[in-house]
């Protein structure tokens, strides 16, 4: 196996929990109200790395929603730093529950990503989307990533 093939296989193994969504149906998605930027979604930078979004209190059958979908619409990452996102769910009055991660590949490539909910959602609480930068990320380097608001998807979508 060549070095390129080994590297690609390693990358696939490390990103197996991340599934890039191919299509979407907006009709059956849950509408969620963003805590930060209702109209356009979220913008992440080196200084602004966390976005919180409330789940609707009247969400019916939250266990039926199998994925959190994140649409990355714009990426400014001129030095191609490896970046990843973490998705957490925080029930009311409890600590955050880790749901999963996804990475941009290539590191400046927008896309649509889904993270499994693991059946842990309830009708209240919030989703937390966090930008994770490498430990050795130079303070002088810039990165800006814009996403739409997070949505919930059923398995059949």
C-alpha atoms as a PDB file:
ATOM      1  CA  UNK A   1       0.000   0.000   0.000  1.00  0.00           C
ATOM      2  CA  UNK A   2       1.455   3.377  -0.971  1.00  0.00           C
ATOM      3  CA  UNK A   3       1.958   6.164   1.522  1.00  0.00           C
ATOM      4  CA  UNK A   4      -0.843   8.177  -0.116  1.00  0.00           C
ATOM      5  CA  UNK A   5      -3.255   5.256   0.196  1.00  0.00           C
ATOM      6  CA  UNK A   6      -2.291   4.715   3.845  1.00  0.00           C
ATOM      7  CA  UNK A   7      -2.796   8.402   4.596  1.00  0.00           C
ATOM      8  CA  UNK A   8      -6.194   8.373   2.890  1.00  0.00           C
ATOM      9  CA  UNK A   9      -7.246   5.204   4.732  1.00  0.00           C
ATOM     10  CA  UNK A  10      -6.165   6.782   8.030  1.00  0.00           C
ATOM     11  CA  UNK A  11      -8.164   9.913   7.249  1.00  0.00           C
ATOM     12  CA  UNK A  12     -11.258   7.838   6.447  1.00  0.00           C
ATOM     13  CA  UNK A  13     -10.864   5.894   9.679  1.00  0.00           C
ATOM     14  CA  UNK A  14     -10.513   9.053  11.775  1.00  0.00           C
ATOM     15  CA  UNK A  15     -13.502  10.743  10.180  1.00  0.00           C
ATOM     16  CA  UNK A  16     -15.798   7.686  10.063  1.00  0.00           C
ATOM     17  CA  UNK A  17     -18.271   9.216  12.560  1.00  0.00           C
ATOM     18  CA  UNK A  18     -18.674  12.151  10.248  1.00  0.00           C
ATOM     19  CA  UNK A  19     -21.074  11.693   7.406  1.00  0.00           C
ATOM     20  CA  UNK A  20     -21.296  14.308   4.713  1.00  0.00           C
ATOM     21  CA  UNK A  21     -24.922  14.627   3.703  1.00  0.00           C
ATOM     22  CA  UNK A  22     -25.714  14.309   0.034  1.00  0.00           C
ATOM     23  CA  UNK A  23     -29.246  15.639  -0.129  1.00  0.00           C
ATOM     24  CA  UNK A  24     -31.763  17.285   2.061  1.00  0.00           C
ATOM     25  CA  UNK A  25     -35.448  17.840   2.475  1.00  0.00           C
ATOM     26  CA  UNK A  26     -36.276  21.035   4.293  1.00  0.00           C
ATOM     27  CA  UNK A  27     -39.974  20.242   4.704  1.00  0.00           C
ATOM     28  CA  UNK A  28     -39.666  17.891   7.653  1.00  0.00           C
ATOM     29  CA  UNK A  29     -36.817  19.586   9.479  1.00  0.00           C
ATOM     30  CA  UNK A  30     -37.301  21.113  12.866  1.00  0.00           C
ATOM     31  CA  UNK A  31     -37.159  24.895  13.049  1.00  0.00           C
ATOM     32  CA  UNK A  32     -34.788  25.957  15.793  1.00  0.00           C
ATOM     33  CA  UNK A  33     -34.269  29.474  17.059  1.00  0.00           C
ATOM     34  CA  UNK A  34     -30.687  30.640  17.158  1.00  0.00           C
ATOM     35  CA  UNK A  35     -29.514  32.301  20.329  1.00  0.00           C
ATOM     36  CA  UNK A  36     -26.862  34.353  18.534  1.00  0.00           C
ATOM     37  CA  UNK A  37     -27.692  35.186  14.937  1.00  0.00           C
ATOM     38  CA  UNK A  38     -31.240  34.292  13.914  1.00  0.00           C
ATOM     39  CA  UNK A  39     -31.132  35.348  10.261  1.00  0.00           C
ATOM     40  CA  UNK A  40     -27.876  34.110   8.818  1.00  0.00           C
ATOM     41  CA  UNK A  41     -26.453  31.458  11.105  1.00  0.00           C
ATOM     42  CA  UNK A  42     -23.094  31.645  12.826  1.00  0.00           C
ATOM     43  CA  UNK A  43     -19.652  33.039  12.055  1.00  0.00           C
ATOM     44  CA  UNK A  44     -16.656  31.438  13.745  1.00  0.00           C
ATOM     45  CA  UNK A  45     -13.242  33.075  14.132  1.00  0.00           C
ATOM     46  CA  UNK A  46     -10.210  32.554  16.330  1.00  0.00           C
ATOM     47  CA  UNK A  47     -11.897  34.775  18.945  1.00  0.00           C
ATOM     48  CA  UNK A  48     -15.479  33.560  18.503  1.00  0.00           C
ATOM     49  CA  UNK A  49     -15.505  29.761  18.555  1.00  0.00           C
ATOM     50  CA  UNK A  50     -18.811  28.747  20.137  1.00  0.00           C
ATOM     51  CA  UNK A  51     -22.421  29.050  18.941  1.00  0.00           C
ATOM     52  CA  UNK A  52     -25.481  28.066  20.944  1.00  0.00           C
ATOM     53  CA  UNK A  53     -28.905  27.344  19.544  1.00  0.00           C
ATOM     54  CA  UNK A  54     -32.037  26.537  21.548  1.00  0.00           C
ATOM     55  CA  UNK A  55     -34.142  23.508  20.752  1.00  0.00           C
ATOM     56  CA  UNK A  56     -37.846  24.296  20.523  1.00  0.00           C
ATOM     57  CA  UNK A  57     -39.663  23.503  23.781  1.00  0.00           C
ATOM     58  CA  UNK A  58     -42.519  21.975  21.765  1.00  0.00           C
ATOM     59  CA  UNK A  59     -40.312  19.609  19.741  1.00  0.00           C
ATOM     60  CA  UNK A  60     -42.359  16.455  19.241  1.00  0.00           C
ATOM     61  CA  UNK A  61     -40.667  13.057  19.425  1.00  0.00           C
ATOM     62  CA  UNK A  62     -37.108  14.384  19.714  1.00  0.00           C
ATOM     63  CA  UNK A  63     -35.815  10.807  19.743  1.00  0.00           C
ATOM     64  CA  UNK A  64     -36.981  10.505  16.114  1.00  0.00           C
ATOM     65  CA  UNK A  65     -34.389  13.058  15.020  1.00  0.00           C
ATOM     66  CA  UNK A  66     -31.256  11.057  14.304  1.00  0.00           C
ATOM     67  CA  UNK A  67     -28.884  13.778  13.097  1.00  0.00           C
ATOM     68  CA  UNK A  68     -27.863  17.368  13.658  1.00  0.00           C
ATOM     69  CA  UNK A  69     -27.124  18.933  10.277  1.00  0.00           C
ATOM     70  CA  UNK A  70     -24.575  21.720   9.903  1.00  0.00           C
ATOM     71  CA  UNK A  71     -24.223  23.550   6.596  1.00  0.00           C
ATOM     72  CA  UNK A  72     -20.881  25.324   6.234  1.00  0.00           C
ATOM     73  CA  UNK A  73     -21.468  28.046   3.648  1.00  0.00           C
ATOM     74  CA  UNK A  74     -18.183  29.974   3.624  1.00  0.00           C
ATOM     75  CA  UNK A  75     -14.617  29.260   4.699  1.00  0.00           C
ATOM     76  CA  UNK A  76     -11.660  31.631   4.846  1.00  0.00           C
ATOM     77  CA  UNK A  77      -8.659  29.548   5.856  1.00  0.00           C
ATOM     78  CA  UNK A  78      -5.782  30.721   3.633  1.00  0.00           C
ATOM     79  CA  UNK A  79      -3.125  28.593   5.324  1.00  0.00           C
ATOM     80  CA  UNK A  80      -5.263  25.441   5.206  1.00  0.00           C
ATOM     81  CA  UNK A  81      -5.094  24.808   8.960  1.00  0.00           C
ATOM     82  CA  UNK A  82      -6.828  21.609  10.019  1.00  0.00           C
ATOM     83  CA  UNK A  83     -10.033  22.652  11.746  1.00  0.00           C
ATOM     84  CA  UNK A  84     -12.835  20.618  13.204  1.00  0.00           C
ATOM     85  CA  UNK A  85     -16.174  21.223  14.835  1.00  0.00           C
ATOM     86  CA  UNK A  86     -17.678  19.572  17.892  1.00  0.00           C
ATOM     87  CA  UNK A  87     -21.409  19.261  18.458  1.00  0.00           C
ATOM     88  CA  UNK A  88     -22.851  18.989  21.972  1.00  0.00           C
ATOM     89  CA  UNK A  89     -26.377  18.841  23.334  1.00  0.00           C
ATOM     90  CA  UNK A  90     -27.044  20.475  26.698  1.00  0.00           C
ATOM     91  CA  UNK A  91     -30.319  19.509  28.377  1.00  0.00           C
ATOM     92  CA  UNK A  92     -31.876  22.094  30.723  1.00  0.00           C
ATOM     93  CA  UNK A  93     -30.010  22.391  34.040  1.00  0.00           C
ATOM     94  CA  UNK A  94     -27.487  19.688  33.086  1.00  0.00           C
ATOM     95  CA  UNK A  95     -24.010  19.438  31.625  1.00  0.00           C
ATOM     96  CA  UNK A  96     -23.267  19.206  27.921  1.00  0.00           C
ATOM     97  CA  UNK A  97     -23.414  15.814  26.191  1.00  0.00           C
ATOM     98  CA  UNK A  98     -20.887  15.243  23.402  1.00  0.00           C
ATOM     99  CA  UNK A  99     -22.579  14.129  20.153  1.00  0.00           C
ATOM    100  CA  UNK A 100     -19.716  14.114  17.647  1.00  0.00           C
ATOM    101  CA  UNK A 101     -17.306  15.970  15.408  1.00  0.00           C
ATOM    102  CA  UNK A 102     -16.716  16.777  11.771  1.00  0.00           C
ATOM    103  CA  UNK A 103     -13.790  18.240   9.863  1.00  0.00           C
ATOM    104  CA  UNK A 104     -13.555  20.286   6.716  1.00  0.00           C
ATOM    105  CA  UNK A 105     -11.643  18.490   3.965  1.00  0.00           C
ATOM    106  CA  UNK A 106      -9.881  20.132   2.313  1.00  0.00           C
ATOM    107  CA  UNK A 107      -9.561  22.618   5.143  1.00  0.00           C
ATOM    108  CA  UNK A 108     -11.149  25.452   3.144  1.00  0.00           C
ATOM    109  CA  UNK A 109     -14.011  23.443   1.669  1.00  0.00           C
ATOM    110  CA  UNK A 110     -17.620  24.303   2.639  1.00  0.00           C
ATOM    111  CA  UNK A 111     -20.158  21.485   2.787  1.00  0.00           C
ATOM    112  CA  UNK A 112     -23.072  19.875   4.573  1.00  0.00           C
ATOM    113  CA  UNK A 113     -22.302  17.632   7.528  1.00  0.00           C
ATOM    114  CA  UNK A 114     -24.388  15.508   9.858  1.00  0.00           C
ATOM    115  CA  UNK A 115     -23.601  14.307  13.364  1.00  0.00           C
ATOM    116  CA  UNK A 116     -25.632  11.525  15.044  1.00  0.00           C
ATOM    117  CA  UNK A 117     -27.824  12.582  17.971  1.00  0.00           C
ATOM    118  CA  UNK A 118     -27.389   9.147  19.594  1.00  0.00           C
ATOM    119  CA  UNK A 119     -31.024   9.347  20.730  1.00  0.00           C
ATOM    120  CA  UNK A 120     -30.060  11.847  23.442  1.00  0.00           C
ATOM    121  CA  UNK A 121     -32.228  14.812  22.435  1.00  0.00           C
ATOM    122  CA  UNK A 122     -35.160  16.001  24.526  1.00  0.00           C
ATOM    123  CA  UNK A 123     -37.729  18.683  23.776  1.00  0.00           C
ATOM    124  CA  UNK A 124     -35.715  21.392  25.514  1.00  0.00           C
ATOM    125  CA  UNK A 125     -32.116  22.401  25.881  1.00  0.00           C
ATOM    126  CA  UNK A 126     -29.612  23.681  23.384  1.00  0.00           C
ATOM    127  CA  UNK A 127     -27.212  22.556  20.708  1.00  0.00           C
ATOM    128  CA  UNK A 128     -23.656  23.826  20.969  1.00  0.00           C
ATOM    129  CA  UNK A 129     -21.395  24.044  17.929  1.00  0.00           C
ATOM    130  CA  UNK A 130     -17.715  24.681  18.667  1.00  0.00           C
ATOM    131  CA  UNK A 131     -14.795  25.410  16.367  1.00  0.00           C
ATOM    132  CA  UNK A 132     -11.684  23.512  17.468  1.00  0.00           C
ATOM    133  CA  UNK A 133      -8.343  24.814  16.231  1.00  0.00           C
ATOM    134  CA  UNK A 134      -5.000  22.984  16.448  1.00  0.00           C
ATOM    135  CA  UNK A 135      -3.001  23.622  19.635  1.00  0.00           C
ATOM    136  CA  UNK A 136      -0.181  25.148  17.607  1.00  0.00           C
ATOM    137  CA  UNK A 137      -2.485  27.535  15.695  1.00  0.00           C
ATOM    138  CA  UNK A 138      -0.542  30.815  15.285  1.00  0.00           C
ATOM    139  CA  UNK A 139      -2.321  33.770  16.881  1.00  0.00           C
ATOM    140  CA  UNK A 140      -1.460  35.882  13.843  1.00  0.00           C
ATOM    141  CA  UNK A 141      -3.275  33.573  11.385  1.00  0.00           C
ATOM    142  CA  UNK A 142      -6.852  34.247  10.388  1.00  0.00           C
ATOM    143  CA  UNK A 143      -9.731  31.849   9.979  1.00  0.00           C
ATOM    144  CA  UNK A 144     -13.411  32.641   9.419  1.00  0.00           C
ATOM    145  CA  UNK A 145     -16.072  30.006   8.914  1.00  0.00           C
ATOM    146  CA  UNK A 146     -19.761  30.763   8.380  1.00  0.00           C
ATOM    147  CA  UNK A 147     -22.534  28.210   8.903  1.00  0.00           C
ATOM    148  CA  UNK A 148     -26.279  28.237   8.611  1.00  0.00           C
ATOM    149  CA  UNK A 149     -28.358  27.564  11.706  1.00  0.00           C
ATOM    150  CA  UNK A 150     -28.278  23.917  12.755  1.00  0.00           C
ATOM    151  CA  UNK A 151     -31.229  21.736  11.805  1.00  0.00           C
ATOM    152  CA  UNK A 152     -32.446  18.330  12.906  1.00  0.00           C
ATOM    153  CA  UNK A 153     -32.931  15.444  10.494  1.00  0.00           C
ATOM    154  CA  UNK A 154     -34.764  12.174  10.728  1.00  0.00           C
ATOM    155  CA  UNK A 155     -33.070   9.034   9.417  1.00  0.00           C
ATOM    156  CA  UNK A 156     -35.411   8.870   6.427  1.00  0.00           C
ATOM    157  CA  UNK A 157     -34.445  12.306   5.066  1.00  0.00           C
END
